[in-house]
């Protein structure tokens, strides 16, 4: 799923992708606030209103901070983030509604980044999409018991995915968002 021009996953150092996206992860809270404040604009799938949004935003911020702090392979970054959020927000991990809001927040943020068209934002959208996929699978595995394992290969592929792959994945999860469209001129639908 990696474009020819982007290079292979093996040639790229694992920590390099994380370092490039640290700034983008730090701005997630601001982007989520912009999505929530909009006046009738598309929220790219973000579930609103939600009674526990502030608690979930804290969870997301902790997850992002820990993920970007680790200098190593993606698996180590996820492991550190999971450990930190289980320690500080254990109850969120057990609540399907909160976890689904977290998935919607990552989908909305990834969509917003993808719509910017900036190549660095497309890479950041890949990170957010991989987070959404992880939490979506966690819900299926641990809360609904209808999945038997986390597909780490999918998460890795989404982390390094190209724009077209991300767009396809996000369209499936954000059916109420007209911004992603279905034709090649999909950016014209964005209500920014």
C-alpha atoms as a PDB file:
ATOM      1  CA  UNK A   1       0.000   0.000   0.000  1.00  0.00           C
ATOM      2  CA  UNK A   2       3.015   2.281  -0.094  1.00  0.00           C
ATOM      3  CA  UNK A   3       3.408   4.411  -3.202  1.00  0.00           C
ATOM      4  CA  UNK A   4       6.442   3.804  -5.353  1.00  0.00           C
ATOM      5  CA  UNK A   5       7.707   7.342  -4.747  1.00  0.00           C
ATOM      6  CA  UNK A   6       7.444   7.214  -0.970  1.00  0.00           C
ATOM      7  CA  UNK A   7       9.903   4.383  -0.450  1.00  0.00           C
ATOM      8  CA  UNK A   8       9.464   1.110   1.312  1.00  0.00           C
ATOM      9  CA  UNK A   9       8.693   0.685   4.988  1.00  0.00           C
ATOM     10  CA  UNK A  10      11.930  -1.237   5.438  1.00  0.00           C
ATOM     11  CA  UNK A  11      14.068   1.617   4.118  1.00  0.00           C
ATOM     12  CA  UNK A  12      12.484   4.129   6.447  1.00  0.00           C
ATOM     13  CA  UNK A  13      13.605   4.221  10.045  1.00  0.00           C
ATOM     14  CA  UNK A  14      10.677   3.541  12.401  1.00  0.00           C
ATOM     15  CA  UNK A  15      11.329   6.569  14.605  1.00  0.00           C
ATOM     16  CA  UNK A  16      11.542   8.910  11.595  1.00  0.00           C
ATOM     17  CA  UNK A  17       7.804   8.786  10.900  1.00  0.00           C
ATOM     18  CA  UNK A  18       6.984   9.385  14.541  1.00  0.00           C
ATOM     19  CA  UNK A  19       9.315  12.381  14.788  1.00  0.00           C
ATOM     20  CA  UNK A  20       7.889  13.968  11.635  1.00  0.00           C
ATOM     21  CA  UNK A  21       4.379  13.770  13.015  1.00  0.00           C
ATOM     22  CA  UNK A  22       4.971  14.921  16.587  1.00  0.00           C
ATOM     23  CA  UNK A  23       3.892  18.469  15.799  1.00  0.00           C
ATOM     24  CA  UNK A  24       0.752  17.177  14.118  1.00  0.00           C
ATOM     25  CA  UNK A  25      -0.135  15.020  17.110  1.00  0.00           C
ATOM     26  CA  UNK A  26       0.310  17.973  19.448  1.00  0.00           C
ATOM     27  CA  UNK A  27      -2.251  19.980  17.494  1.00  0.00           C
ATOM     28  CA  UNK A  28      -4.995  17.324  17.663  1.00  0.00           C
ATOM     29  CA  UNK A  29      -6.783  19.048  20.545  1.00  0.00           C
ATOM     30  CA  UNK A  30      -6.987  22.329  18.643  1.00  0.00           C
ATOM     31  CA  UNK A  31      -8.260  20.594  15.523  1.00  0.00           C
ATOM     32  CA  UNK A  32     -10.907  18.724  17.520  1.00  0.00           C
ATOM     33  CA  UNK A  33     -12.062  22.011  19.043  1.00  0.00           C
ATOM     34  CA  UNK A  34     -12.357  23.546  15.574  1.00  0.00           C
ATOM     35  CA  UNK A  35     -14.458  20.591  14.451  1.00  0.00           C
ATOM     36  CA  UNK A  36     -16.769  20.987  17.451  1.00  0.00           C
ATOM     37  CA  UNK A  37     -17.174  24.757  17.242  1.00  0.00           C
ATOM     38  CA  UNK A  38     -18.161  24.916  13.563  1.00  0.00           C
ATOM     39  CA  UNK A  39     -21.535  26.443  12.709  1.00  0.00           C
ATOM     40  CA  UNK A  40     -23.321  23.722  10.800  1.00  0.00           C
ATOM     41  CA  UNK A  41     -20.189  22.688   8.938  1.00  0.00           C
ATOM     42  CA  UNK A  42     -19.345  19.070   8.331  1.00  0.00           C
ATOM     43  CA  UNK A  43     -17.734  17.469  11.375  1.00  0.00           C
ATOM     44  CA  UNK A  44     -16.278  14.596   9.341  1.00  0.00           C
ATOM     45  CA  UNK A  45     -17.983  11.914  11.415  1.00  0.00           C
ATOM     46  CA  UNK A  46     -17.276  13.271  14.896  1.00  0.00           C
ATOM     47  CA  UNK A  47     -20.044  12.196  17.268  1.00  0.00           C
ATOM     48  CA  UNK A  48     -21.652  15.326  18.746  1.00  0.00           C
ATOM     49  CA  UNK A  49     -22.936  16.098  21.259  1.00  0.00           C
ATOM     50  CA  UNK A  50     -21.307  13.651  23.633  1.00  0.00           C
ATOM     51  CA  UNK A  51     -21.616  13.829  27.404  1.00  0.00           C
ATOM     52  CA  UNK A  52     -18.098  12.516  28.102  1.00  0.00           C
ATOM     53  CA  UNK A  53     -16.230  14.358  25.343  1.00  0.00           C
ATOM     54  CA  UNK A  54     -13.829  16.134  27.714  1.00  0.00           C
ATOM     55  CA  UNK A  55     -12.837  12.863  29.389  1.00  0.00           C
ATOM     56  CA  UNK A  56     -12.298  11.271  25.983  1.00  0.00           C
ATOM     57  CA  UNK A  57     -10.282  14.275  24.790  1.00  0.00           C
ATOM     58  CA  UNK A  58      -7.980  13.808  27.796  1.00  0.00           C
ATOM     59  CA  UNK A  59      -7.617  10.136  26.867  1.00  0.00           C
ATOM     60  CA  UNK A  60      -6.761  11.083  23.261  1.00  0.00           C
ATOM     61  CA  UNK A  61      -4.248  13.709  24.425  1.00  0.00           C
ATOM     62  CA  UNK A  62      -2.522  11.191  26.722  1.00  0.00           C
ATOM     63  CA  UNK A  63      -2.457   8.578  23.962  1.00  0.00           C
ATOM     64  CA  UNK A  64      -0.970  11.082  21.480  1.00  0.00           C
ATOM     65  CA  UNK A  65       1.615  12.397  23.943  1.00  0.00           C
ATOM     66  CA  UNK A  66       2.871   8.935  24.827  1.00  0.00           C
ATOM     67  CA  UNK A  67       2.873   7.813  21.206  1.00  0.00           C
ATOM     68  CA  UNK A  68       4.977  10.756  20.062  1.00  0.00           C
ATOM     69  CA  UNK A  69       7.353  10.485  23.043  1.00  0.00           C
ATOM     70  CA  UNK A  70       8.595   7.019  22.095  1.00  0.00           C
ATOM     71  CA  UNK A  71      11.589   6.868  19.768  1.00  0.00           C
ATOM     72  CA  UNK A  72      11.219   3.478  18.159  1.00  0.00           C
ATOM     73  CA  UNK A  73       9.062   1.102  16.149  1.00  0.00           C
ATOM     74  CA  UNK A  74       5.341   1.723  15.824  1.00  0.00           C
ATOM     75  CA  UNK A  75       4.613  -1.276  18.043  1.00  0.00           C
ATOM     76  CA  UNK A  76       6.622   0.286  20.889  1.00  0.00           C
ATOM     77  CA  UNK A  77       4.758   3.570  20.433  1.00  0.00           C
ATOM     78  CA  UNK A  78       1.391   1.820  20.635  1.00  0.00           C
ATOM     79  CA  UNK A  79       2.499  -0.214  23.647  1.00  0.00           C
ATOM     80  CA  UNK A  80       3.572   2.905  25.570  1.00  0.00           C
ATOM     81  CA  UNK A  81       0.351   4.729  24.659  1.00  0.00           C
ATOM     82  CA  UNK A  82      -1.835   1.812  25.685  1.00  0.00           C
ATOM     83  CA  UNK A  83      -0.007   1.439  29.001  1.00  0.00           C
ATOM     84  CA  UNK A  84      -0.259   5.162  29.798  1.00  0.00           C
ATOM     85  CA  UNK A  85      -3.963   5.433  28.994  1.00  0.00           C
ATOM     86  CA  UNK A  86      -4.834   2.229  30.832  1.00  0.00           C
ATOM     87  CA  UNK A  87      -3.101   3.662  33.867  1.00  0.00           C
ATOM     88  CA  UNK A  88      -4.754   7.094  33.758  1.00  0.00           C
ATOM     89  CA  UNK A  89      -8.084   6.324  32.022  1.00  0.00           C
ATOM     90  CA  UNK A  90      -8.837   2.665  32.767  1.00  0.00           C
ATOM     91  CA  UNK A  91     -12.607   3.227  32.775  1.00  0.00           C
ATOM     92  CA  UNK A  92     -12.576   4.616  29.227  1.00  0.00           C
ATOM     93  CA  UNK A  93     -11.123   1.352  27.878  1.00  0.00           C
ATOM     94  CA  UNK A  94     -14.203  -0.500  29.208  1.00  0.00           C
ATOM     95  CA  UNK A  95     -16.864   1.889  27.886  1.00  0.00           C
ATOM     96  CA  UNK A  96     -18.033   1.193  24.322  1.00  0.00           C
ATOM     97  CA  UNK A  97     -19.652   4.627  23.854  1.00  0.00           C
ATOM     98  CA  UNK A  98     -16.479   6.433  24.904  1.00  0.00           C
ATOM     99  CA  UNK A  99     -14.297   4.227  22.732  1.00  0.00           C
ATOM    100  CA  UNK A 100     -16.601   4.800  19.755  1.00  0.00           C
ATOM    101  CA  UNK A 101     -16.345   8.560  20.326  1.00  0.00           C
ATOM    102  CA  UNK A 102     -12.546   8.208  20.313  1.00  0.00           C
ATOM    103  CA  UNK A 103     -12.720   6.349  16.983  1.00  0.00           C
ATOM    104  CA  UNK A 104     -14.956   9.114  15.599  1.00  0.00           C
ATOM    105  CA  UNK A 105     -12.512  11.783  16.805  1.00  0.00           C
ATOM    106  CA  UNK A 106      -9.583  10.116  15.044  1.00  0.00           C
ATOM    107  CA  UNK A 107     -11.640   9.583  11.866  1.00  0.00           C
ATOM    108  CA  UNK A 108     -12.743  13.237  11.899  1.00  0.00           C
ATOM    109  CA  UNK A 109      -9.219  14.477  12.505  1.00  0.00           C
ATOM    110  CA  UNK A 110      -7.749  12.229   9.805  1.00  0.00           C
ATOM    111  CA  UNK A 111     -10.399  13.444   7.353  1.00  0.00           C
ATOM    112  CA  UNK A 112      -9.634  17.086   8.130  1.00  0.00           C
ATOM    113  CA  UNK A 113      -5.904  16.469   7.636  1.00  0.00           C
ATOM    114  CA  UNK A 114      -6.489  14.578   4.393  1.00  0.00           C
ATOM    115  CA  UNK A 115      -8.597  17.405   2.996  1.00  0.00           C
ATOM    116  CA  UNK A 116      -5.767  19.890   3.491  1.00  0.00           C
ATOM    117  CA  UNK A 117      -3.862  18.287   0.622  1.00  0.00           C
ATOM    118  CA  UNK A 118      -0.521  19.037   2.300  1.00  0.00           C
ATOM    119  CA  UNK A 119       1.797  16.009   2.058  1.00  0.00           C
ATOM    120  CA  UNK A 120       2.809  16.281   5.729  1.00  0.00           C
ATOM    121  CA  UNK A 121      -0.871  16.362   6.683  1.00  0.00           C
ATOM    122  CA  UNK A 122      -1.509  13.251   4.583  1.00  0.00           C
ATOM    123  CA  UNK A 123       1.197  11.473   6.600  1.00  0.00           C
ATOM    124  CA  UNK A 124      -0.397  12.725   9.837  1.00  0.00           C
ATOM    125  CA  UNK A 125      -3.785  11.508   8.548  1.00  0.00           C
ATOM    126  CA  UNK A 126      -2.224   8.062   8.191  1.00  0.00           C
ATOM    127  CA  UNK A 127      -1.239   8.115  11.848  1.00  0.00           C
ATOM    128  CA  UNK A 128      -4.744   9.173  12.951  1.00  0.00           C
ATOM    129  CA  UNK A 129      -6.320   6.568  10.686  1.00  0.00           C
ATOM    130  CA  UNK A 130      -4.116   3.851  12.183  1.00  0.00           C
ATOM    131  CA  UNK A 131      -5.233   5.009  15.647  1.00  0.00           C
ATOM    132  CA  UNK A 132      -8.895   4.859  14.575  1.00  0.00           C
ATOM    133  CA  UNK A 133      -8.380   1.359  13.209  1.00  0.00           C
ATOM    134  CA  UNK A 134      -6.686   0.197  16.392  1.00  0.00           C
ATOM    135  CA  UNK A 135      -9.488   1.480  18.626  1.00  0.00           C
ATOM    136  CA  UNK A 136     -12.163   0.173  16.263  1.00  0.00           C
ATOM    137  CA  UNK A 137     -10.570  -3.274  16.455  1.00  0.00           C
ATOM    138  CA  UNK A 138     -10.154  -3.001  20.232  1.00  0.00           C
ATOM    139  CA  UNK A 139     -13.892  -2.390  20.581  1.00  0.00           C
ATOM    140  CA  UNK A 140     -14.667  -5.426  18.403  1.00  0.00           C
ATOM    141  CA  UNK A 141     -12.176  -7.626  20.251  1.00  0.00           C
ATOM    142  CA  UNK A 142     -12.640  -6.670  23.897  1.00  0.00           C
ATOM    143  CA  UNK A 143     -16.054  -5.067  24.190  1.00  0.00           C
ATOM    144  CA  UNK A 144     -18.207  -6.763  21.553  1.00  0.00           C
ATOM    145  CA  UNK A 145     -16.225 -10.026  21.317  1.00  0.00           C
ATOM    146  CA  UNK A 146     -16.772 -10.351  17.561  1.00  0.00           C
ATOM    147  CA  UNK A 147     -13.118 -10.224  16.504  1.00  0.00           C
ATOM    148  CA  UNK A 148     -10.441 -12.629  17.681  1.00  0.00           C
ATOM    149  CA  UNK A 149      -7.288 -10.503  17.282  1.00  0.00           C
ATOM    150  CA  UNK A 150      -5.977  -7.056  16.413  1.00  0.00           C
ATOM    151  CA  UNK A 151      -4.799  -6.858  12.796  1.00  0.00           C
ATOM    152  CA  UNK A 152      -1.464  -5.146  13.396  1.00  0.00           C
ATOM    153  CA  UNK A 153      -0.532  -5.402   9.726  1.00  0.00           C
ATOM    154  CA  UNK A 154      -3.561  -3.291   8.793  1.00  0.00           C
ATOM    155  CA  UNK A 155      -2.630  -0.727  11.445  1.00  0.00           C
ATOM    156  CA  UNK A 156       0.940  -0.594  10.123  1.00  0.00           C
ATOM    157  CA  UNK A 157      -0.282  -0.288   6.524  1.00  0.00           C
ATOM    158  CA  UNK A 158      -2.622   2.579   7.434  1.00  0.00           C
ATOM    159  CA  UNK A 159       0.170   4.336   9.330  1.00  0.00           C
ATOM    160  CA  UNK A 160       2.194   4.508   6.090  1.00  0.00           C
ATOM    161  CA  UNK A 161      -0.736   4.619   3.631  1.00  0.00           C
ATOM    162  CA  UNK A 162      -1.005   6.877   0.612  1.00  0.00           C
ATOM    163  CA  UNK A 163      -3.777   9.440   0.147  1.00  0.00           C
ATOM    164  CA  UNK A 164      -6.011   7.185  -1.961  1.00  0.00           C
ATOM    165  CA  UNK A 165      -5.852   4.314   0.546  1.00  0.00           C
ATOM    166  CA  UNK A 166      -6.655   6.634   3.444  1.00  0.00           C
ATOM    167  CA  UNK A 167      -9.529   8.210   1.542  1.00  0.00           C
ATOM    168  CA  UNK A 168     -11.054   4.798   0.827  1.00  0.00           C
ATOM    169  CA  UNK A 169     -10.718   3.706   4.445  1.00  0.00           C
ATOM    170  CA  UNK A 170     -12.214   6.938   5.797  1.00  0.00           C
ATOM    171  CA  UNK A 171     -15.135   6.909   3.339  1.00  0.00           C
ATOM    172  CA  UNK A 172     -16.166   3.514   4.733  1.00  0.00           C
ATOM    173  CA  UNK A 173     -16.192   4.878   8.283  1.00  0.00           C
ATOM    174  CA  UNK A 174     -17.610   8.313   7.683  1.00  0.00           C
ATOM    175  CA  UNK A 175     -20.634   7.744   5.472  1.00  0.00           C
ATOM    176  CA  UNK A 176     -22.337  10.947   6.663  1.00  0.00           C
ATOM    177  CA  UNK A 177     -19.400  13.117   5.551  1.00  0.00           C
ATOM    178  CA  UNK A 178     -19.904  14.558   2.048  1.00  0.00           C
ATOM    179  CA  UNK A 179     -16.398  16.069   2.101  1.00  0.00           C
ATOM    180  CA  UNK A 180     -14.684  12.880   0.987  1.00  0.00           C
ATOM    181  CA  UNK A 181     -16.999  12.515  -2.031  1.00  0.00           C
ATOM    182  CA  UNK A 182     -16.793   9.660  -4.484  1.00  0.00           C
ATOM    183  CA  UNK A 183     -15.322  11.242  -7.590  1.00  0.00           C
ATOM    184  CA  UNK A 184     -11.874  12.613  -8.385  1.00  0.00           C
ATOM    185  CA  UNK A 185     -12.869  16.171  -7.487  1.00  0.00           C
ATOM    186  CA  UNK A 186     -13.710  15.190  -3.896  1.00  0.00           C
ATOM    187  CA  UNK A 187     -12.108  18.272  -2.317  1.00  0.00           C
ATOM    188  CA  UNK A 188     -14.818  20.519  -3.807  1.00  0.00           C
ATOM    189  CA  UNK A 189     -17.302  19.035  -1.326  1.00  0.00           C
ATOM    190  CA  UNK A 190     -15.484  20.222   1.763  1.00  0.00           C
ATOM    191  CA  UNK A 191     -17.308  22.860   3.802  1.00  0.00           C
ATOM    192  CA  UNK A 192     -14.181  24.507   5.184  1.00  0.00           C
END
